Amino acid sequence: MVIELNNPALRHARALLRDGKVVRDERDDWSEAAPSADDENSFIDENGWTEFSHWHLGIDKSENAETKQAYTFPFGDFDRVHRSGVISAESRAGQYDHTEIRDALRSLLDLIDDTD
């Protein structure tokens, strides 16, 4: 298992931030804001796996691209970037030595916080 930075997702997150699609919530809010498994399944059914992948900054290319196991480090609710999701993902990426992903998430957090 090698988790890599999902560059299309990073571009997607930056575009959302440019468009003002961001929730400036607190770290602990992610447990309530994160999409449920049912939300994920509905999103996949309506939008497909490629769009689902664009909401996760980590990708494991050894996994089937049409499974949830291929994607990690979510940062939003399929509509907006959540500051709490970025913080949570950054923390987990740092914990597991995914330095490139951690740094990308830090840059997103800086963009969110700089526009306050």
PDB file of N, CA and C in Angstrom:
ATOM      1  N   MET A   1       0.840  -1.175   0.000  1.00  0.00           N
ATOM      2  CA  MET A   1       0.000   0.000   0.000  1.00  0.00           C
ATOM      3  C   MET A   1       0.890   1.245   0.000  1.00  0.00           C
ATOM      4  N   VAL A   2       0.782   2.012  -1.081  1.00  0.00           N
ATOM      5  CA  VAL A   2       1.512   3.270  -1.193  1.00  0.00           C
ATOM      6  C   VAL A   2       0.497   4.362  -1.499  1.00  0.00           C
ATOM      7  N   ILE A   3       0.298   5.225  -0.539  1.00  0.00           N
ATOM      8  CA  ILE A   3      -0.663   6.308  -0.718  1.00  0.00           C
ATOM      9  C   ILE A   3       0.082   7.520  -1.265  1.00  0.00           C
ATOM     10  N   GLU A   4      -0.420   8.039  -2.379  1.00  0.00           N
ATOM     11  CA  GLU A   4       0.199   9.169  -3.062  1.00  0.00           C
ATOM     12  C   GLU A   4      -0.722  10.376  -3.010  1.00  0.00           C
ATOM     13  N   LEU A   5      -0.143  11.542  -3.250  1.00  0.00           N
ATOM     14  CA  LEU A   5      -0.925  12.759  -3.370  1.00  0.00           C
ATOM     15  C   LEU A   5      -1.790  12.666  -4.620  1.00  0.00           C
ATOM     16  N   ASN A   6      -3.050  12.930  -4.468  1.00  0.00           N
ATOM     17  CA  ASN A   6      -4.015  12.927  -5.573  1.00  0.00           C
ATOM     18  C   ASN A   6      -4.066  14.359  -6.128  1.00  0.00           C
ATOM     19  N   ASN A   7      -3.244  14.635  -7.136  1.00  0.00           N
ATOM     20  CA  ASN A   7      -3.127  15.990  -7.670  1.00  0.00           C
ATOM     21  C   ASN A   7      -4.429  16.541  -8.244  1.00  0.00           C
ATOM     22  N   PRO A   8      -5.254  15.744  -8.944  1.00  0.00           N
ATOM     23  CA  PRO A   8      -6.544  16.293  -9.391  1.00  0.00           C
ATOM     24  C   PRO A   8      -7.420  16.754  -8.227  1.00  0.00           C
ATOM     25  N   ALA A   9      -7.356  16.054  -7.102  1.00  0.00           N
ATOM     26  CA  ALA A   9      -8.126  16.456  -5.922  1.00  0.00           C
ATOM     27  C   ALA A   9      -7.582  17.759  -5.346  1.00  0.00           C
ATOM     28  N   LEU A  10      -6.275  17.917  -5.353  1.00  0.00           N
ATOM     29  CA  LEU A  10      -5.676  19.162  -4.857  1.00  0.00           C
ATOM     30  C   LEU A  10      -6.107  20.333  -5.737  1.00  0.00           C
ATOM     31  N   ARG A  11      -6.090  20.157  -7.047  1.00  0.00           N
ATOM     32  CA  ARG A  11      -6.559  21.215  -7.954  1.00  0.00           C
ATOM     33  C   ARG A  11      -8.032  21.528  -7.702  1.00  0.00           C
ATOM     34  N   HIS A  12      -8.830  20.479  -7.483  1.00  0.00           N
ATOM     35  CA  HIS A  12     -10.255  20.654  -7.201  1.00  0.00           C
ATOM     36  C   HIS A  12     -10.461  21.462  -5.912  1.00  0.00           C
ATOM     37  N   ALA A  13      -9.722  21.117  -4.875  1.00  0.00           N
ATOM     38  CA  ALA A  13      -9.842  21.822  -3.595  1.00  0.00           C
ATOM     39  C   ALA A  13      -9.465  23.291  -3.759  1.00  0.00           C
ATOM     40  N   ARG A  14      -8.399  23.555  -4.475  1.00  0.00           N
ATOM     41  CA  ARG A  14      -7.982  24.953  -4.688  1.00  0.00           C
ATOM     42  C   ARG A  14      -9.036  25.726  -5.469  1.00  0.00           C
ATOM     43  N   ALA A  15      -9.632  25.092  -6.468  1.00  0.00           N
ATOM     44  CA  ALA A  15     -10.685  25.749  -7.247  1.00  0.00           C
ATOM     45  C   ALA A  15     -11.893  26.072  -6.362  1.00  0.00           C
ATOM     46  N   LEU A  16     -12.259  25.130  -5.507  1.00  0.00           N
ATOM     47  CA  LEU A  16     -13.368  25.375  -4.587  1.00  0.00           C
ATOM     48  C   LEU A  16     -13.072  26.555  -3.672  1.00  0.00           C
ATOM     49  N   LEU A  17     -11.848  26.628  -3.170  1.00  0.00           N
ATOM     50  CA  LEU A  17     -11.470  27.741  -2.305  1.00  0.00           C
ATOM     51  C   LEU A  17     -11.523  29.067  -3.060  1.00  0.00           C
ATOM     52  N   ARG A  18     -11.038  29.074  -4.304  1.00  0.00           N
ATOM     53  CA  ARG A  18     -11.108  30.298  -5.124  1.00  0.00           C
ATOM     54  C   ARG A  18     -12.548  30.750  -5.319  1.00  0.00           C
ATOM     55  N   ASP A  19     -13.453  29.774  -5.417  1.00  0.00           N
ATOM     56  CA  ASP A  19     -14.871  30.075  -5.627  1.00  0.00           C
ATOM     57  C   ASP A  19     -15.617  30.374  -4.325  1.00  0.00           C
ATOM     58  N   GLY A  20     -14.898  30.357  -3.211  1.00  0.00           N
ATOM     59  CA  GLY A  20     -15.515  30.656  -1.925  1.00  0.00           C
ATOM     60  C   GLY A  20     -16.334  29.521  -1.346  1.00  0.00           C
ATOM     61  N   LYS A  21     -16.142  28.321  -1.864  1.00  0.00           N
ATOM     62  CA  LYS A  21     -16.895  27.163  -1.365  1.00  0.00           C
ATOM     63  C   LYS A  21     -16.117  26.514  -0.223  1.00  0.00           C
ATOM     64  N   VAL A  22     -16.210  27.160   0.933  1.00  0.00           N
ATOM     65  CA  VAL A  22     -15.457  26.720   2.103  1.00  0.00           C
ATOM     66  C   VAL A  22     -16.286  26.962   3.358  1.00  0.00           C
ATOM     67  N   VAL A  23     -16.157  26.044   4.294  1.00  0.00           N
ATOM     68  CA  VAL A  23     -16.765  26.179   5.614  1.00  0.00           C
ATOM     69  C   VAL A  23     -15.619  26.375   6.591  1.00  0.00           C
ATOM     70  N   ARG A  24     -15.609  27.510   7.250  1.00  0.00           N
ATOM     71  CA  ARG A  24     -14.534  27.827   8.206  1.00  0.00           C
ATOM     72  C   ARG A  24     -14.934  27.366   9.608  1.00  0.00           C
ATOM     73  N   ASP A  25     -14.977  26.062   9.749  1.00  0.00           N
ATOM     74  CA  ASP A  25     -15.380  25.470  11.018  1.00  0.00           C
ATOM     75  C   ASP A  25     -14.157  25.101  11.837  1.00  0.00           C
ATOM     76  N   GLU A  26     -14.397  24.560  12.999  1.00  0.00           N
ATOM     77  CA  GLU A  26     -13.317  24.186  13.917  1.00  0.00           C
ATOM     78  C   GLU A  26     -12.989  22.704  13.767  1.00  0.00           C
ATOM     79  N   ARG A  27     -11.806  22.332  14.200  1.00  0.00           N
ATOM     80  CA  ARG A  27     -11.286  20.976  14.048  1.00  0.00           C
ATOM     81  C   ARG A  27     -12.288  19.896  14.471  1.00  0.00           C
ATOM     82  N   ASP A  28     -12.887  20.048  15.614  1.00  0.00           N
ATOM     83  CA  ASP A  28     -13.767  19.013  16.138  1.00  0.00           C
ATOM     84  C   ASP A  28     -15.085  18.897  15.384  1.00  0.00           C
ATOM     85  N   ASP A  29     -15.373  19.839  14.509  1.00  0.00           N
ATOM     86  CA  ASP A  29     -16.624  19.811  13.750  1.00  0.00           C
ATOM     87  C   ASP A  29     -16.620  18.755  12.644  1.00  0.00           C
ATOM     88  N   TRP A  30     -15.461  18.225  12.281  1.00  0.00           N
ATOM     89  CA  TRP A  30     -15.382  17.281  11.165  1.00  0.00           C
ATOM     90  C   TRP A  30     -16.167  15.999  11.427  1.00  0.00           C
ATOM     91  N   SER A  31     -16.224  15.565  12.664  1.00  0.00           N
ATOM     92  CA  SER A  31     -16.951  14.326  12.958  1.00  0.00           C
ATOM     93  C   SER A  31     -18.431  14.461  12.583  1.00  0.00           C
ATOM     94  N   GLU A  32     -18.973  15.651  12.665  1.00  0.00           N
ATOM     95  CA  GLU A  32     -20.367  15.887  12.267  1.00  0.00           C
ATOM     96  C   GLU A  32     -20.487  16.242  10.788  1.00  0.00           C
ATOM     97  N   ALA A  33     -19.476  16.901  10.231  1.00  0.00           N
ATOM     98  CA  ALA A  33     -19.542  17.396   8.854  1.00  0.00           C
ATOM     99  C   ALA A  33     -19.156  16.344   7.814  1.00  0.00           C
ATOM    100  N   ALA A  34     -18.340  15.387   8.205  1.00  0.00           N
ATOM    101  CA  ALA A  34     -17.862  14.380   7.246  1.00  0.00           C
ATOM    102  C   ALA A  34     -19.028  13.601   6.655  1.00  0.00           C
ATOM    103  N   PRO A  35     -18.979  13.350   5.353  1.00  0.00           N
ATOM    104  CA  PRO A  35     -20.053  12.563   4.730  1.00  0.00           C
ATOM    105  C   PRO A  35     -20.140  11.157   5.332  1.00  0.00           C
ATOM    106  N   SER A  36     -21.361  10.687   5.498  1.00  0.00           N
ATOM    107  CA  SER A  36     -21.586   9.321   5.981  1.00  0.00           C
ATOM    108  C   SER A  36     -21.346   8.340   4.836  1.00  0.00           C
ATOM    109  N   ALA A  37     -21.301   7.072   5.153  1.00  0.00           N
ATOM    110  CA  ALA A  37     -21.166   6.042   4.113  1.00  0.00           C
ATOM    111  C   ALA A  37     -22.323   6.127   3.122  1.00  0.00           C
ATOM    112  N   ASP A  38     -23.526   6.392   3.615  1.00  0.00           N
ATOM    113  CA  ASP A  38     -24.680   6.545   2.725  1.00  0.00           C
ATOM    114  C   ASP A  38     -24.529   7.761   1.820  1.00  0.00           C
ATOM    115  N   ASP A  39     -24.018   8.868   2.379  1.00  0.00           N
ATOM    116  CA  ASP A  39     -23.756  10.071   1.572  1.00  0.00           C
ATOM    117  C   ASP A  39     -22.745   9.753   0.469  1.00  0.00           C
ATOM    118  N   GLU A  40     -21.686   9.027   0.837  1.00  0.00           N
ATOM    119  CA  GLU A  40     -20.665   8.647  -0.139  1.00  0.00           C
ATOM    120  C   GLU A  40     -21.270   7.786  -1.246  1.00  0.00           C
ATOM    121  N   ASN A  41     -22.052   6.797  -0.856  1.00  0.00           N
ATOM    122  CA  ASN A  41     -22.654   5.906  -1.847  1.00  0.00           C
ATOM    123  C   ASN A  41     -23.584   6.667  -2.788  1.00  0.00           C
ATOM    124  N   SER A  42     -24.375   7.560  -2.256  1.00  0.00           N
ATOM    125  CA  SER A  42     -25.265   8.368  -3.092  1.00  0.00           C
ATOM    126  C   SER A  42     -24.465   9.241  -4.051  1.00  0.00           C
ATOM    127  N   PHE A  43     -23.395   9.852  -3.546  1.00  0.00           N
ATOM    128  CA  PHE A  43     -22.554  10.692  -4.397  1.00  0.00           C
ATOM    129  C   PHE A  43     -21.944   9.881  -5.529  1.00  0.00           C
ATOM    130  N   ILE A  44     -21.432   8.703  -5.207  1.00  0.00           N
ATOM    131  CA  ILE A  44     -20.828   7.837  -6.230  1.00  0.00           C
ATOM    132  C   ILE A  44     -21.875   7.438  -7.271  1.00  0.00           C
ATOM    133  N   ASP A  45     -23.064   7.065  -6.820  1.00  0.00           N
ATOM    134  CA  ASP A  45     -24.139   6.683  -7.741  1.00  0.00           C
ATOM    135  C   ASP A  45     -24.500   7.824  -8.689  1.00  0.00           C
ATOM    136  N   GLU A  46     -24.523   9.037  -8.173  1.00  0.00           N
ATOM    137  CA  GLU A  46     -24.937  10.198  -8.974  1.00  0.00           C
ATOM    138  C   GLU A  46     -23.811  10.791  -9.812  1.00  0.00           C
ATOM    139  N   ASN A  47     -22.556  10.681  -9.333  1.00  0.00           N
ATOM    140  CA  ASN A  47     -21.453  11.408  -9.969  1.00  0.00           C
ATOM    141  C   ASN A  47     -20.305  10.540 -10.465  1.00  0.00           C
ATOM    142  N   GLY A  48     -20.212   9.309  -9.991  1.00  0.00           N
ATOM    143  CA  GLY A  48     -19.152   8.410 -10.432  1.00  0.00           C
ATOM    144  C   GLY A  48     -17.901   8.466  -9.572  1.00  0.00           C
ATOM    145  N   TRP A  49     -17.018   7.523  -9.860  1.00  0.00           N
ATOM    146  CA  TRP A  49     -15.806   7.347  -9.059  1.00  0.00           C
ATOM    147  C   TRP A  49     -14.797   8.465  -9.258  1.00  0.00           C
ATOM    148  N   THR A  50     -14.688   9.002 -10.463  1.00  0.00           N
ATOM    149  CA  THR A  50     -13.719  10.074 -10.695  1.00  0.00           C
ATOM    150  C   THR A  50     -14.051  11.282  -9.839  1.00  0.00           C
ATOM    151  N   GLU A  51     -15.323  11.670  -9.836  1.00  0.00           N
ATOM    152  CA  GLU A  51     -15.723  12.815  -9.011  1.00  0.00           C
ATOM    153  C   GLU A  51     -15.523  12.512  -7.523  1.00  0.00           C
ATOM    154  N   PHE A  52     -15.810  11.279  -7.112  1.00  0.00           N
ATOM    155  CA  PHE A  52     -15.574  10.884  -5.718  1.00  0.00           C
ATOM    156  C   PHE A  52     -14.097  11.044  -5.370  1.00  0.00           C
ATOM    157  N   SER A  53     -13.229  10.645  -6.280  1.00  0.00           N
ATOM    158  CA  SER A  53     -11.788  10.733  -6.023  1.00  0.00           C
ATOM    159  C   SER A  53     -11.332  12.171  -5.825  1.00  0.00           C
ATOM    160  N   HIS A  54     -12.027  13.118  -6.447  1.00  0.00           N
ATOM    161  CA  HIS A  54     -11.635  14.520  -6.354  1.00  0.00           C
ATOM    162  C   HIS A  54     -11.870  15.132  -4.973  1.00  0.00           C
ATOM    163  N   TRP A  55     -12.463  14.381  -4.079  1.00  0.00           N
ATOM    164  CA  TRP A  55     -12.708  14.849  -2.707  1.00  0.00           C
ATOM    165  C   TRP A  55     -11.760  14.205  -1.700  1.00  0.00           C
ATOM    166  N   HIS A  56     -10.701  13.553  -2.192  1.00  0.00           N
ATOM    167  CA  HIS A  56      -9.739  12.854  -1.327  1.00  0.00           C
ATOM    168  C   HIS A  56      -8.321  13.173  -1.794  1.00  0.00           C
ATOM    169  N   LEU A  57      -7.494  13.673  -0.888  1.00  0.00           N
ATOM    170  CA  LEU A  57      -6.140  14.044  -1.282  1.00  0.00           C
ATOM    171  C   LEU A  57      -5.176  12.870  -1.322  1.00  0.00           C
ATOM    172  N   GLY A  58      -5.582  11.714  -0.852  1.00  0.00           N
ATOM    173  CA  GLY A  58      -4.740  10.535  -0.918  1.00  0.00           C
ATOM    174  C   GLY A  58      -5.340   9.496  -1.840  1.00  0.00           C
ATOM    175  N   ILE A  59      -4.470   8.848  -2.619  1.00  0.00           N
ATOM    176  CA  ILE A  59      -4.916   7.772  -3.502  1.00  0.00           C
ATOM    177  C   ILE A  59      -3.926   6.613  -3.408  1.00  0.00           C
ATOM    178  N   ASP A  60      -4.470   5.419  -3.275  1.00  0.00           N
ATOM    179  CA  ASP A  60      -3.670   4.194  -3.245  1.00  0.00           C
ATOM    180  C   ASP A  60      -3.884   3.503  -4.579  1.00  0.00           C
ATOM    181  N   LYS A  61      -2.921   3.648  -5.467  1.00  0.00           N
ATOM    182  CA  LYS A  61      -3.065   3.113  -6.830  1.00  0.00           C
ATOM    183  C   LYS A  61      -2.965   1.601  -6.896  1.00  0.00           C
ATOM    184  N   SER A  62      -2.624   0.965  -5.770  1.00  0.00           N
ATOM    185  CA  SER A  62      -2.611  -0.501  -5.756  1.00  0.00           C
ATOM    186  C   SER A  62      -4.019  -1.056  -5.527  1.00  0.00           C
ATOM    187  N   GLU A  63      -4.952  -0.193  -5.157  1.00  0.00           N
ATOM    188  CA  GLU A  63      -6.344  -0.590  -4.947  1.00  0.00           C
ATOM    189  C   GLU A  63      -7.158  -0.354  -6.223  1.00  0.00           C
ATOM    190  N   ASN A  64      -8.247  -1.057  -6.347  1.00  0.00           N
ATOM    191  CA  ASN A  64      -9.177  -0.849  -7.455  1.00  0.00           C
ATOM    192  C   ASN A  64      -9.721   0.571  -7.354  1.00  0.00           C
ATOM    193  N   ALA A  65      -9.626   1.328  -8.447  1.00  0.00           N
ATOM    194  CA  ALA A  65     -10.055   2.734  -8.457  1.00  0.00           C
ATOM    195  C   ALA A  65     -11.555   2.886  -8.255  1.00  0.00           C
ATOM    196  N   GLU A  66     -12.289   1.801  -8.359  1.00  0.00           N
ATOM    197  CA  GLU A  66     -13.731   1.858  -8.142  1.00  0.00           C
ATOM    198  C   GLU A  66     -14.114   1.210  -6.813  1.00  0.00           C
ATOM    199  N   THR A  67     -13.272   1.479  -5.815  1.00  0.00           N
ATOM    200  CA  THR A  67     -13.571   1.082  -4.434  1.00  0.00           C
ATOM    201  C   THR A  67     -13.177   2.238  -3.521  1.00  0.00           C
ATOM    202  N   LYS A  68     -13.853   2.345  -2.416  1.00  0.00           N
ATOM    203  CA  LYS A  68     -13.540   3.400  -1.454  1.00  0.00           C
ATOM    204  C   LYS A  68     -12.154   3.218  -0.846  1.00  0.00           C
ATOM    205  N   GLN A  69     -11.650   1.987  -0.824  1.00  0.00           N
ATOM    206  CA  GLN A  69     -10.338   1.716  -0.240  1.00  0.00           C
ATOM    207  C   GLN A  69      -9.218   2.446  -0.976  1.00  0.00           C
ATOM    208  N   ALA A  70      -9.476   2.858  -2.208  1.00  0.00           N
ATOM    209  CA  ALA A  70      -8.448   3.540  -2.991  1.00  0.00           C
ATOM    210  C   ALA A  70      -8.243   4.989  -2.561  1.00  0.00           C
ATOM    211  N   TYR A  71      -9.174   5.539  -1.785  1.00  0.00           N
ATOM    212  CA  TYR A  71      -9.152   6.971  -1.495  1.00  0.00           C
ATOM    213  C   TYR A  71      -9.108   7.249  -0.001  1.00  0.00           C
ATOM    214  N   THR A  72      -8.294   8.221   0.365  1.00  0.00           N
ATOM    215  CA  THR A  72      -8.153   8.598   1.763  1.00  0.00           C
ATOM    216  C   THR A  72      -7.893  10.100   1.865  1.00  0.00           C
ATOM    217  N   PHE A  73      -7.955  10.606   3.058  1.00  0.00           N
ATOM    218  CA  PHE A  73      -7.772  12.020   3.365  1.00  0.00           C
ATOM    219  C   PHE A  73      -8.836  12.903   2.712  1.00  0.00           C
ATOM    220  N   PRO A  74     -10.118  12.667   3.080  1.00  0.00           N
ATOM    221  CA  PRO A  74     -11.193  13.527   2.573  1.00  0.00           C
ATOM    222  C   PRO A  74     -11.093  14.918   3.198  1.00  0.00           C
ATOM    223  N   PHE A  75     -11.594  15.911   2.465  1.00  0.00           N
ATOM    224  CA  PHE A  75     -11.491  17.290   2.948  1.00  0.00           C
ATOM    225  C   PHE A  75     -12.790  18.081   2.824  1.00  0.00           C
ATOM    226  N   GLY A  76     -13.860  17.460   2.366  1.00  0.00           N
ATOM    227  CA  GLY A  76     -15.087  18.215   2.195  1.00  0.00           C
ATOM    228  C   GLY A  76     -16.323  17.342   2.179  1.00  0.00           C
ATOM    229  N   ASP A  77     -17.450  17.994   1.932  1.00  0.00           N
ATOM    230  CA  ASP A  77     -18.757  17.333   2.015  1.00  0.00           C
ATOM    231  C   ASP A  77     -19.425  17.128   0.654  1.00  0.00           C
ATOM    232  N   PHE A  78     -18.641  17.118  -0.411  1.00  0.00           N
ATOM    233  CA  PHE A  78     -19.107  16.974  -1.797  1.00  0.00           C
ATOM    234  C   PHE A  78     -19.756  18.246  -2.321  1.00  0.00           C
ATOM    235  N   ASP A  79     -19.630  19.335  -1.560  1.00  0.00           N
ATOM    236  CA  ASP A  79     -20.102  20.632  -2.016  1.00  0.00           C
ATOM    237  C   ASP A  79     -19.086  21.716  -1.674  1.00  0.00           C
ATOM    238  N   ARG A  80     -18.521  21.622  -0.470  1.00  0.00           N
ATOM    239  CA  ARG A  80     -17.589  22.639   0.010  1.00  0.00           C
ATOM    240  C   ARG A  80     -16.425  21.991   0.744  1.00  0.00           C
ATOM    241  N   VAL A  81     -15.306  22.695   0.752  1.00  0.00           N
ATOM    242  CA  VAL A  81     -14.150  22.305   1.564  1.00  0.00           C
ATOM    243  C   VAL A  81     -14.473  22.681   3.006  1.00  0.00           C
ATOM    244  N   HIS A  82     -14.164  21.788   3.932  1.00  0.00           N
ATOM    245  CA  HIS A  82     -14.343  22.084   5.351  1.00  0.00           C
ATOM    246  C   HIS A  82     -12.970  22.260   5.991  1.00  0.00           C
ATOM    247  N   ARG A  83     -12.796  23.385   6.645  1.00  0.00           N
ATOM    248  CA  ARG A  83     -11.546  23.627   7.367  1.00  0.00           C
ATOM    249  C   ARG A  83     -11.280  22.474   8.331  1.00  0.00           C
ATOM    250  N   SER A  84     -12.318  22.000   8.993  1.00  0.00           N
ATOM    251  CA  SER A  84     -12.158  20.893   9.942  1.00  0.00           C
ATOM    252  C   SER A  84     -11.665  19.621   9.258  1.00  0.00           C
ATOM    253  N   GLY A  85     -12.120  19.373   8.040  1.00  0.00           N
ATOM    254  CA  GLY A  85     -11.676  18.203   7.289  1.00  0.00           C
ATOM    255  C   GLY A  85     -10.219  18.316   6.892  1.00  0.00           C
ATOM    256  N   VAL A  86      -9.814  19.516   6.493  1.00  0.00           N
ATOM    257  CA  VAL A  86      -8.418  19.757   6.123  1.00  0.00           C
ATOM    258  C   VAL A  86      -7.513  19.555   7.335  1.00  0.00           C
ATOM    259  N   ILE A  87      -7.916  20.092   8.486  1.00  0.00           N
ATOM    260  CA  ILE A  87      -7.117  19.945   9.707  1.00  0.00           C
ATOM    261  C   ILE A  87      -7.016  18.470  10.103  1.00  0.00           C
ATOM    262  N   SER A  88      -8.131  17.769  10.073  1.00  0.00           N
ATOM    263  CA  SER A  88      -8.133  16.352  10.442  1.00  0.00           C
ATOM    264  C   SER A  88      -7.239  15.538   9.510  1.00  0.00           C
ATOM    265  N   ALA A  89      -7.365  15.790   8.219  1.00  0.00           N
ATOM    266  CA  ALA A  89      -6.557  15.042   7.244  1.00  0.00           C
ATOM    267  C   ALA A  89      -5.076  15.384   7.389  1.00  0.00           C
ATOM    268  N   GLU A  90      -4.769  16.650   7.620  1.00  0.00           N
ATOM    269  CA  GLU A  90      -3.372  17.050   7.788  1.00  0.00           C
ATOM    270  C   GLU A  90      -2.747  16.326   8.985  1.00  0.00           C
ATOM    271  N   SER A  91      -3.489  16.250  10.069  1.00  0.00           N
ATOM    272  CA  SER A  91      -3.000  15.567  11.266  1.00  0.00           C
ATOM    273  C   SER A  91      -2.727  14.089  10.989  1.00  0.00           C
ATOM    274  N   ARG A  92      -3.685  13.432  10.330  1.00  0.00           N
ATOM    275  CA  ARG A  92      -3.513  12.001  10.034  1.00  0.00           C
ATOM    276  C   ARG A  92      -2.372  11.768   9.047  1.00  0.00           C
ATOM    277  N   ALA A  93      -2.245  12.641   8.046  1.00  0.00           N
ATOM    278  CA  ALA A  93      -1.161  12.485   7.067  1.00  0.00           C
ATOM    279  C   ALA A  93       0.190  12.615   7.760  1.00  0.00           C
ATOM    280  N   GLY A  94       0.303  13.557   8.685  1.00  0.00           N
ATOM    281  CA  GLY A  94       1.546  13.718   9.425  1.00  0.00           C
ATOM    282  C   GLY A  94       1.843  12.524  10.314  1.00  0.00           C
ATOM    283  N   GLN A  95       0.806  11.988  10.942  1.00  0.00           N
ATOM    284  CA  GLN A  95       0.955  10.815  11.819  1.00  0.00           C
ATOM    285  C   GLN A  95       1.542   9.634  11.075  1.00  0.00           C
ATOM    286  N   TYR A  96       1.133   9.459   9.822  1.00  0.00           N
ATOM    287  CA  TYR A  96       1.532   8.284   9.048  1.00  0.00           C
ATOM    288  C   TYR A  96       2.611   8.593   8.015  1.00  0.00           C
ATOM    289  N   ASP A  97       3.310   9.710   8.213  1.00  0.00           N
ATOM    290  CA  ASP A  97       4.459  10.091   7.382  1.00  0.00           C
ATOM    291  C   ASP A  97       4.141  10.235   5.898  1.00  0.00           C
ATOM    292  N   HIS A  98       2.960  10.732   5.595  1.00  0.00           N
ATOM    293  CA  HIS A  98       2.607  11.073   4.215  1.00  0.00           C
ATOM    294  C   HIS A  98       2.917  12.558   4.033  1.00  0.00           C
ATOM    295  N   THR A  99       4.206  12.843   3.956  1.00  0.00           N
ATOM    296  CA  THR A  99       4.699  14.213   3.994  1.00  0.00           C
ATOM    297  C   THR A  99       4.141  15.078   2.871  1.00  0.00           C
ATOM    298  N   GLU A 100       4.118  14.571   1.660  1.00  0.00           N
ATOM    299  CA  GLU A 100       3.641  15.365   0.531  1.00  0.00           C
ATOM    300  C   GLU A 100       2.159  15.721   0.701  1.00  0.00           C
ATOM    301  N   ILE A 101       1.384  14.769   1.177  1.00  0.00           N
ATOM    302  CA  ILE A 101      -0.039  15.009   1.406  1.00  0.00           C
ATOM    303  C   ILE A 101      -0.214  15.983   2.570  1.00  0.00           C
ATOM    304  N   ARG A 102       0.536  15.784   3.633  1.00  0.00           N
ATOM    305  CA  ARG A 102       0.473  16.699   4.778  1.00  0.00           C
ATOM    306  C   ARG A 102       0.775  18.125   4.355  1.00  0.00           C
ATOM    307  N   ASP A 103       1.814  18.293   3.537  1.00  0.00           N
ATOM    308  CA  ASP A 103       2.206  19.626   3.092  1.00  0.00           C
ATOM    309  C   ASP A 103       1.151  20.254   2.185  1.00  0.00           C
ATOM    310  N   ALA A 104       0.518  19.445   1.345  1.00  0.00           N
ATOM    311  CA  ALA A 104      -0.553  19.952   0.476  1.00  0.00           C
ATOM    312  C   ALA A 104      -1.741  20.411   1.328  1.00  0.00           C
ATOM    313  N   LEU A 105      -2.057  19.639   2.338  1.00  0.00           N
ATOM    314  CA  LEU A 105      -3.155  20.017   3.239  1.00  0.00           C
ATOM    315  C   LEU A 105      -2.805  21.273   4.023  1.00  0.00           C
ATOM    316  N   ARG A 106      -1.573  21.401   4.440  1.00  0.00           N
ATOM    317  CA  ARG A 106      -1.130  22.611   5.137  1.00  0.00           C
ATOM    318  C   ARG A 106      -1.297  23.826   4.215  1.00  0.00           C
ATOM    319  N   SER A 107      -0.970  23.668   2.943  1.00  0.00           N
ATOM    320  CA  SER A 107      -1.114  24.791   2.009  1.00  0.00           C
ATOM    321  C   SER A 107      -2.590  25.161   1.832  1.00  0.00           C
ATOM    322  N   LEU A 108      -3.483  24.163   1.829  1.00  0.00           N
ATOM    323  CA  LEU A 108      -4.912  24.446   1.757  1.00  0.00           C
ATOM    324  C   LEU A 108      -5.374  25.181   3.009  1.00  0.00           C
ATOM    325  N   LEU A 109      -4.913  24.737   4.163  1.00  0.00           N
ATOM    326  CA  LEU A 109      -5.282  25.392   5.409  1.00  0.00           C
ATOM    327  C   LEU A 109      -4.802  26.845   5.427  1.00  0.00           C
ATOM    328  N   ASP A 110      -3.605  27.065   4.933  1.00  0.00           N
ATOM    329  CA  ASP A 110      -3.081  28.442   4.851  1.00  0.00           C
ATOM    330  C   ASP A 110      -3.965  29.292   3.945  1.00  0.00           C
ATOM    331  N   LEU A 111      -4.403  28.729   2.820  1.00  0.00           N
ATOM    332  CA  LEU A 111      -5.299  29.474   1.916  1.00  0.00           C
ATOM    333  C   LEU A 111      -6.623  29.799   2.617  1.00  0.00           C
ATOM    334  N   ILE A 112      -7.151  28.850   3.337  1.00  0.00           N
ATOM    335  CA  ILE A 112      -8.419  29.067   4.061  1.00  0.00           C
ATOM    336  C   ILE A 112      -8.244  30.168   5.097  1.00  0.00           C
ATOM    337  N   ASP A 113      -7.198  30.060   5.886  1.00  0.00           N
ATOM    338  CA  ASP A 113      -6.983  30.998   6.986  1.00  0.00           C
ATOM    339  C   ASP A 113      -6.562  32.385   6.502  1.00  0.00           C
ATOM    340  N   ASP A 114      -5.896  32.462   5.351  1.00  0.00           N
ATOM    341  CA  ASP A 114      -5.455  33.748   4.808  1.00  0.00           C
ATOM    342  C   ASP A 114      -6.609  34.558   4.249  1.00  0.00           C
ATOM    343  N   THR A 115      -7.722  33.904   3.945  1.00  0.00           N
ATOM    344  CA  THR A 115      -8.841  34.631   3.344  1.00  0.00           C
ATOM    345  C   THR A 115      -9.883  35.042   4.370  1.00  0.00           C
ATOM    346  N   ASP A 116      -9.589  34.816   5.645  1.00  0.00           N
ATOM    347  CA  ASP A 116     -10.522  35.252   6.707  1.00  0.00           C
ATOM    348  C   ASP A 116     -10.559  36.752   6.829  1.00  0.00           C
TER     349      ASP A 116
END
